[in-house]
């Protein structure tokens, strides 16, 4: 019984840490949606210069001419993160989770869709 209680406490502690590392929408806006460029990378390491402006617009530009497509779209905050709609695509929503010093994982559902660095 004691082992079961300790295991349960460990699981709850790890969940609390994961939740604590998720940025609130207002913190996402203050950190990233300021008009200043930062780097985004896909899970396959295609890198982009991303710019989210305060007026709800977003642009991406690949660092390499051989990988990734340039894009324009819009963003908005959601209850637990943010959503983007790229021209010609449907809306997708994400959470932002701290994953190191000046590093964040962009999570769609349970999967990392991108990694941001500043």
N, C-alpha and C. Protein backbone atom coordinates (compact mmCIF):
# COMPACT_ATOMS: atom_id res chain seq x y z
N UNK A 1 0.82 -1.18 0.00
CA UNK A 1 0.00 0.00 0.00
C UNK A 1 0.87 1.26 0.00
N UNK A 2 1.92 1.23 0.80
CA UNK A 2 2.82 2.37 0.86
C UNK A 2 3.49 2.63 -0.48
N UNK A 3 3.89 1.56 -1.17
CA UNK A 3 4.51 1.69 -2.49
C UNK A 3 3.53 2.32 -3.48
N UNK A 4 2.28 1.90 -3.40
CA UNK A 4 1.26 2.45 -4.29
C UNK A 4 1.06 3.95 -4.03
N UNK A 5 1.05 4.35 -2.78
CA UNK A 5 0.91 5.77 -2.45
C UNK A 5 2.10 6.58 -2.94
N UNK A 6 3.31 6.05 -2.77
CA UNK A 6 4.50 6.75 -3.25
C UNK A 6 4.50 6.88 -4.76
N UNK A 7 4.09 5.81 -5.45
CA UNK A 7 4.02 5.85 -6.91
C UNK A 7 3.00 6.88 -7.36
N UNK A 8 1.85 6.92 -6.68
CA UNK A 8 0.82 7.91 -7.02
C UNK A 8 1.31 9.33 -6.80
N UNK A 9 2.03 9.55 -5.71
CA UNK A 9 2.57 10.87 -5.43
C UNK A 9 3.58 11.28 -6.49
N UNK A 10 4.40 10.35 -6.95
CA UNK A 10 5.39 10.64 -7.99
C UNK A 10 4.70 11.03 -9.30
N UNK A 11 3.63 10.33 -9.65
CA UNK A 11 2.89 10.65 -10.87
C UNK A 11 2.27 12.04 -10.75
N UNK A 12 1.66 12.34 -9.63
CA UNK A 12 1.07 13.67 -9.44
C UNK A 12 2.11 14.77 -9.49
N UNK A 13 3.27 14.52 -8.93
CA UNK A 13 4.35 15.52 -8.97
C UNK A 13 4.81 15.77 -10.40
N UNK A 14 4.94 14.71 -11.20
CA UNK A 14 5.38 14.89 -12.59
C UNK A 14 4.32 15.62 -13.41
N UNK A 15 3.05 15.35 -13.14
CA UNK A 15 1.98 16.07 -13.84
C UNK A 15 2.00 17.55 -13.46
N UNK A 16 2.20 17.84 -12.19
CA UNK A 16 2.26 19.23 -11.73
C UNK A 16 3.41 19.98 -12.39
N UNK A 17 4.56 19.34 -12.53
CA UNK A 17 5.69 19.98 -13.20
C UNK A 17 5.39 20.25 -14.66
N UNK A 18 4.76 19.29 -15.33
CA UNK A 18 4.43 19.47 -16.75
C UNK A 18 3.44 20.61 -16.93
N UNK A 19 2.43 20.68 -16.07
CA UNK A 19 1.45 21.75 -16.17
C UNK A 19 2.10 23.10 -15.86
N UNK A 20 2.98 23.14 -14.89
CA UNK A 20 3.64 24.38 -14.53
C UNK A 20 4.50 24.92 -15.67
N UNK A 21 5.02 24.04 -16.50
CA UNK A 21 5.90 24.45 -17.58
C UNK A 21 5.13 24.98 -18.80
N UNK A 22 3.81 24.81 -18.83
CA UNK A 22 3.00 25.28 -19.95
C UNK A 22 2.75 26.78 -19.77
N UNK A 23 3.04 27.57 -20.81
CA UNK A 23 2.84 29.01 -20.73
C UNK A 23 1.37 29.36 -20.86
N UNK A 24 0.92 30.29 -20.07
CA UNK A 24 -0.44 30.83 -20.18
C UNK A 24 -0.52 31.68 -21.45
N UNK A 25 -1.71 31.78 -22.04
CA UNK A 25 -1.84 32.57 -23.27
C UNK A 25 -1.26 33.98 -23.15
N UNK A 26 -1.49 34.68 -22.04
CA UNK A 26 -0.96 36.05 -21.90
C UNK A 26 0.57 36.04 -21.90
N UNK A 27 1.20 34.98 -21.38
CA UNK A 27 2.65 34.87 -21.37
C UNK A 27 3.19 34.55 -22.77
N UNK A 28 2.44 33.75 -23.52
CA UNK A 28 2.82 33.48 -24.91
C UNK A 28 2.84 34.79 -25.69
N UNK A 29 1.78 35.58 -25.52
CA UNK A 29 1.68 36.85 -26.24
C UNK A 29 2.82 37.78 -25.85
N UNK A 30 3.09 37.90 -24.56
CA UNK A 30 4.14 38.81 -24.09
C UNK A 30 5.53 38.36 -24.51
N UNK A 31 5.74 37.06 -24.63
CA UNK A 31 7.06 36.52 -24.96
C UNK A 31 7.33 36.47 -26.47
N UNK A 32 6.31 36.09 -27.25
CA UNK A 32 6.53 35.82 -28.67
C UNK A 32 5.80 36.73 -29.65
N UNK A 33 4.64 37.25 -29.28
CA UNK A 33 3.81 37.96 -30.24
C UNK A 33 4.03 39.46 -30.15
N UNK A 34 5.29 39.84 -30.28
CA UNK A 34 5.73 41.23 -30.08
C UNK A 34 6.24 41.90 -31.35
N UNK A 35 6.25 41.19 -32.46
CA UNK A 35 6.80 41.74 -33.69
C UNK A 35 8.29 41.47 -33.87
N UNK A 36 8.91 40.83 -32.88
CA UNK A 36 10.34 40.50 -32.99
C UNK A 36 10.51 39.06 -33.48
N UNK A 37 11.46 38.88 -34.37
CA UNK A 37 11.70 37.57 -34.96
C UNK A 37 12.32 36.60 -33.96
N UNK A 38 11.98 35.32 -34.12
CA UNK A 38 12.61 34.24 -33.37
C UNK A 38 12.69 33.04 -34.30
N UNK A 39 13.37 32.00 -33.86
CA UNK A 39 13.57 30.81 -34.69
C UNK A 39 12.59 29.71 -34.31
N UNK A 40 11.99 29.12 -35.32
CA UNK A 40 11.13 27.95 -35.15
C UNK A 40 11.74 26.82 -35.97
N UNK A 41 11.69 25.61 -35.42
CA UNK A 41 12.20 24.44 -36.13
C UNK A 41 11.15 23.34 -36.09
N UNK A 42 11.00 22.63 -37.19
CA UNK A 42 10.10 21.49 -37.24
C UNK A 42 10.78 20.31 -36.56
N UNK A 43 10.03 19.24 -36.25
CA UNK A 43 10.67 18.05 -35.70
C UNK A 43 11.76 17.47 -36.62
N UNK A 44 11.67 17.73 -37.93
CA UNK A 44 12.71 17.26 -38.86
C UNK A 44 13.81 18.30 -39.06
N UNK A 45 13.81 19.35 -38.20
CA UNK A 45 14.85 20.38 -38.14
C UNK A 45 14.88 21.35 -39.33
N UNK A 46 13.74 21.58 -39.97
CA UNK A 46 13.63 22.65 -40.96
C UNK A 46 13.40 23.92 -40.15
N UNK A 47 14.24 24.94 -40.36
CA UNK A 47 14.20 26.15 -39.54
C UNK A 47 13.60 27.33 -40.28
N UNK A 48 12.85 28.13 -39.51
CA UNK A 48 12.16 29.30 -40.03
C UNK A 48 12.42 30.50 -39.14
N UNK A 49 12.39 31.68 -39.75
CA UNK A 49 12.31 32.93 -38.99
C UNK A 49 10.82 33.22 -38.87
N UNK A 50 10.34 33.33 -37.62
CA UNK A 50 8.93 33.57 -37.36
C UNK A 50 8.75 34.98 -36.79
N UNK A 51 7.68 35.65 -37.22
CA UNK A 51 7.33 36.96 -36.66
C UNK A 51 5.82 36.98 -36.45
N UNK A 52 5.43 37.13 -35.18
CA UNK A 52 4.03 37.31 -34.80
C UNK A 52 3.88 38.78 -34.39
N UNK A 53 3.01 39.51 -35.06
CA UNK A 53 2.82 40.92 -34.72
C UNK A 53 1.60 41.10 -33.81
N UNK A 54 1.58 42.21 -33.09
CA UNK A 54 0.52 42.49 -32.13
C UNK A 54 -0.86 42.58 -32.77
N UNK A 55 -0.91 42.87 -34.07
CA UNK A 55 -2.20 43.01 -34.75
C UNK A 55 -2.78 41.68 -35.25
N UNK A 56 -2.20 40.55 -34.81
CA UNK A 56 -2.76 39.25 -35.15
C UNK A 56 -2.25 38.62 -36.43
N UNK A 57 -1.14 39.13 -36.96
CA UNK A 57 -0.57 38.56 -38.19
C UNK A 57 0.70 37.78 -37.86
N UNK A 58 0.98 36.78 -38.68
CA UNK A 58 2.17 35.96 -38.51
C UNK A 58 2.80 35.70 -39.87
N UNK A 59 4.13 35.70 -39.92
CA UNK A 59 4.86 35.33 -41.13
C UNK A 59 5.94 34.33 -40.76
N UNK A 60 6.29 33.51 -41.73
CA UNK A 60 7.41 32.59 -41.56
C UNK A 60 8.24 32.61 -42.84
N UNK A 61 9.54 32.53 -42.65
CA UNK A 61 10.47 32.54 -43.78
C UNK A 61 11.54 31.49 -43.51
N UNK A 62 11.70 30.53 -44.43
CA UNK A 62 12.71 29.49 -44.19
C UNK A 62 14.12 30.07 -44.22
N UNK A 63 14.99 29.54 -43.38
CA UNK A 63 16.39 29.96 -43.39
C UNK A 63 17.10 29.42 -44.62
N UNK A 64 16.69 28.25 -45.08
CA UNK A 64 17.32 27.60 -46.23
C UNK A 64 16.42 27.70 -47.45
N UNK A 65 17.02 27.87 -48.60
CA UNK A 65 16.24 27.92 -49.84
C UNK A 65 15.74 26.53 -50.25
N UNK A 66 16.29 25.49 -49.64
CA UNK A 66 15.93 24.12 -50.02
C UNK A 66 14.89 23.49 -49.10
N UNK A 67 14.54 24.14 -48.00
CA UNK A 67 13.60 23.50 -47.08
C UNK A 67 12.56 24.47 -46.55
N UNK A 68 11.31 24.04 -46.56
CA UNK A 68 10.25 24.84 -45.97
C UNK A 68 9.69 25.86 -46.93
N UNK A 69 8.46 26.26 -46.65
CA UNK A 69 7.77 27.23 -47.49
C UNK A 69 7.54 28.52 -46.72
N UNK A 70 7.68 29.63 -47.41
CA UNK A 70 7.36 30.94 -46.85
C UNK A 70 5.84 30.98 -46.63
N UNK A 71 5.40 31.68 -45.59
CA UNK A 71 3.96 31.72 -45.35
C UNK A 71 3.52 32.96 -44.62
N UNK A 72 2.21 33.27 -44.75
CA UNK A 72 1.57 34.37 -44.05
C UNK A 72 0.27 33.84 -43.48
N UNK A 73 -0.12 34.39 -42.34
CA UNK A 73 -1.38 33.97 -41.75
C UNK A 73 -1.78 34.87 -40.60
N UNK A 74 -2.64 34.33 -39.75
CA UNK A 74 -3.12 35.08 -38.60
C UNK A 74 -2.98 34.22 -37.35
N UNK A 75 -2.98 34.86 -36.19
CA UNK A 75 -2.93 34.16 -34.92
C UNK A 75 -3.97 34.76 -33.98
N UNK A 76 -4.37 33.95 -33.00
CA UNK A 76 -5.23 34.43 -31.92
C UNK A 76 -4.95 33.56 -30.69
N UNK A 77 -5.17 34.13 -29.52
CA UNK A 77 -5.01 33.37 -28.30
C UNK A 77 -6.21 32.45 -28.13
N UNK A 78 -5.99 31.31 -27.48
CA UNK A 78 -7.05 30.37 -27.15
C UNK A 78 -7.08 30.21 -25.63
N UNK A 79 -7.95 29.37 -25.14
CA UNK A 79 -8.09 29.18 -23.69
C UNK A 79 -6.80 28.67 -23.05
N UNK A 80 -6.05 27.83 -23.77
CA UNK A 80 -4.83 27.25 -23.18
C UNK A 80 -3.59 27.43 -24.02
N UNK A 81 -3.62 28.35 -24.99
CA UNK A 81 -2.46 28.57 -25.85
C UNK A 81 -2.77 29.57 -26.94
N UNK A 82 -2.55 29.14 -28.19
CA UNK A 82 -2.82 30.02 -29.33
C UNK A 82 -3.20 29.17 -30.53
N UNK A 83 -3.80 29.83 -31.53
CA UNK A 83 -4.17 29.18 -32.78
C UNK A 83 -3.63 30.00 -33.94
N UNK A 84 -3.24 29.31 -35.00
CA UNK A 84 -2.80 29.98 -36.22
C UNK A 84 -3.65 29.49 -37.39
N UNK A 85 -3.82 30.37 -38.36
CA UNK A 85 -4.45 30.00 -39.62
C UNK A 85 -3.56 30.54 -40.72
N UNK A 86 -2.91 29.64 -41.45
CA UNK A 86 -2.05 30.04 -42.55
C UNK A 86 -2.90 30.15 -43.81
N UNK A 87 -2.55 31.07 -44.72
CA UNK A 87 -3.31 31.25 -45.95
C UNK A 87 -3.44 29.90 -46.66
N UNK A 88 -4.68 29.56 -47.01
CA UNK A 88 -4.94 28.32 -47.71
C UNK A 88 -5.05 27.10 -46.80
N UNK A 89 -5.01 27.29 -45.48
CA UNK A 89 -5.08 26.16 -44.54
C UNK A 89 -6.13 26.43 -43.48
N UNK A 90 -6.49 25.37 -42.76
CA UNK A 90 -7.44 25.51 -41.66
C UNK A 90 -6.72 25.89 -40.37
N UNK A 91 -7.47 26.31 -39.39
CA UNK A 91 -6.92 26.72 -38.10
C UNK A 91 -6.34 25.52 -37.34
N UNK A 92 -5.20 25.74 -36.69
CA UNK A 92 -4.58 24.75 -35.81
C UNK A 92 -4.25 25.45 -34.50
N UNK A 93 -4.46 24.72 -33.39
CA UNK A 93 -4.23 25.30 -32.07
C UNK A 93 -3.13 24.55 -31.33
N UNK A 94 -2.40 25.27 -30.48
CA UNK A 94 -1.21 24.75 -29.83
C UNK A 94 -1.10 25.24 -28.39
N UNK A 95 -0.31 24.52 -27.62
CA UNK A 95 0.14 24.95 -26.30
C UNK A 95 1.64 25.16 -26.40
N UNK A 96 2.17 26.01 -25.54
CA UNK A 96 3.61 26.28 -25.52
C UNK A 96 4.14 25.80 -24.18
N UNK A 97 5.14 24.92 -24.25
CA UNK A 97 5.70 24.34 -23.03
C UNK A 97 7.20 24.64 -22.97
N UNK A 98 7.64 25.20 -21.86
CA UNK A 98 9.07 25.47 -21.67
C UNK A 98 9.82 24.14 -21.73
N UNK A 99 10.96 24.14 -22.42
CA UNK A 99 11.73 22.90 -22.55
C UNK A 99 13.23 23.14 -22.41
N UNK A 100 13.61 24.21 -21.73
CA UNK A 100 15.01 24.52 -21.52
C UNK A 100 15.21 26.02 -21.50
N UNK A 101 16.46 26.43 -21.39
CA UNK A 101 16.79 27.85 -21.36
C UNK A 101 16.53 28.46 -22.73
N UNK A 102 15.54 29.35 -22.81
CA UNK A 102 15.16 30.02 -24.05
C UNK A 102 14.74 29.04 -25.14
N UNK A 103 14.13 27.91 -24.71
CA UNK A 103 13.63 26.89 -25.64
C UNK A 103 12.22 26.50 -25.23
N UNK A 104 11.33 26.32 -26.22
CA UNK A 104 9.96 25.96 -25.97
C UNK A 104 9.51 24.91 -26.99
N UNK A 105 8.67 23.99 -26.55
CA UNK A 105 8.05 23.02 -27.44
C UNK A 105 6.64 23.51 -27.74
N UNK A 106 6.26 23.44 -29.00
CA UNK A 106 4.93 23.84 -29.44
C UNK A 106 4.13 22.55 -29.62
N UNK A 107 3.12 22.38 -28.77
CA UNK A 107 2.43 21.10 -28.65
C UNK A 107 1.05 21.17 -29.29
N UNK A 108 0.77 20.22 -30.18
CA UNK A 108 -0.56 20.03 -30.77
C UNK A 108 -1.06 18.68 -30.26
N UNK A 109 -2.09 18.71 -29.44
CA UNK A 109 -2.57 17.47 -28.81
C UNK A 109 -1.52 16.97 -27.83
N UNK A 110 -0.89 15.85 -28.16
CA UNK A 110 0.18 15.30 -27.31
C UNK A 110 1.52 15.27 -28.02
N UNK A 111 1.59 15.87 -29.20
CA UNK A 111 2.79 15.79 -30.04
C UNK A 111 3.44 17.16 -30.24
N UNK A 112 4.76 17.18 -30.20
CA UNK A 112 5.49 18.42 -30.49
C UNK A 112 5.41 18.69 -31.99
N UNK A 113 4.86 19.84 -32.34
CA UNK A 113 4.73 20.23 -33.75
C UNK A 113 5.90 21.09 -34.18
N UNK A 114 6.55 21.76 -33.21
CA UNK A 114 7.68 22.65 -33.51
C UNK A 114 8.44 22.94 -32.23
N UNK A 115 9.59 23.57 -32.41
CA UNK A 115 10.43 24.00 -31.30
C UNK A 115 10.83 25.44 -31.56
N UNK A 116 10.62 26.29 -30.57
CA UNK A 116 10.96 27.71 -30.70
C UNK A 116 12.16 28.03 -29.82
N UNK A 117 13.03 28.90 -30.34
CA UNK A 117 14.17 29.39 -29.55
C UNK A 117 14.29 30.89 -29.73
N UNK A 118 14.82 31.53 -28.70
CA UNK A 118 15.05 32.98 -28.73
C UNK A 118 16.45 33.24 -28.27
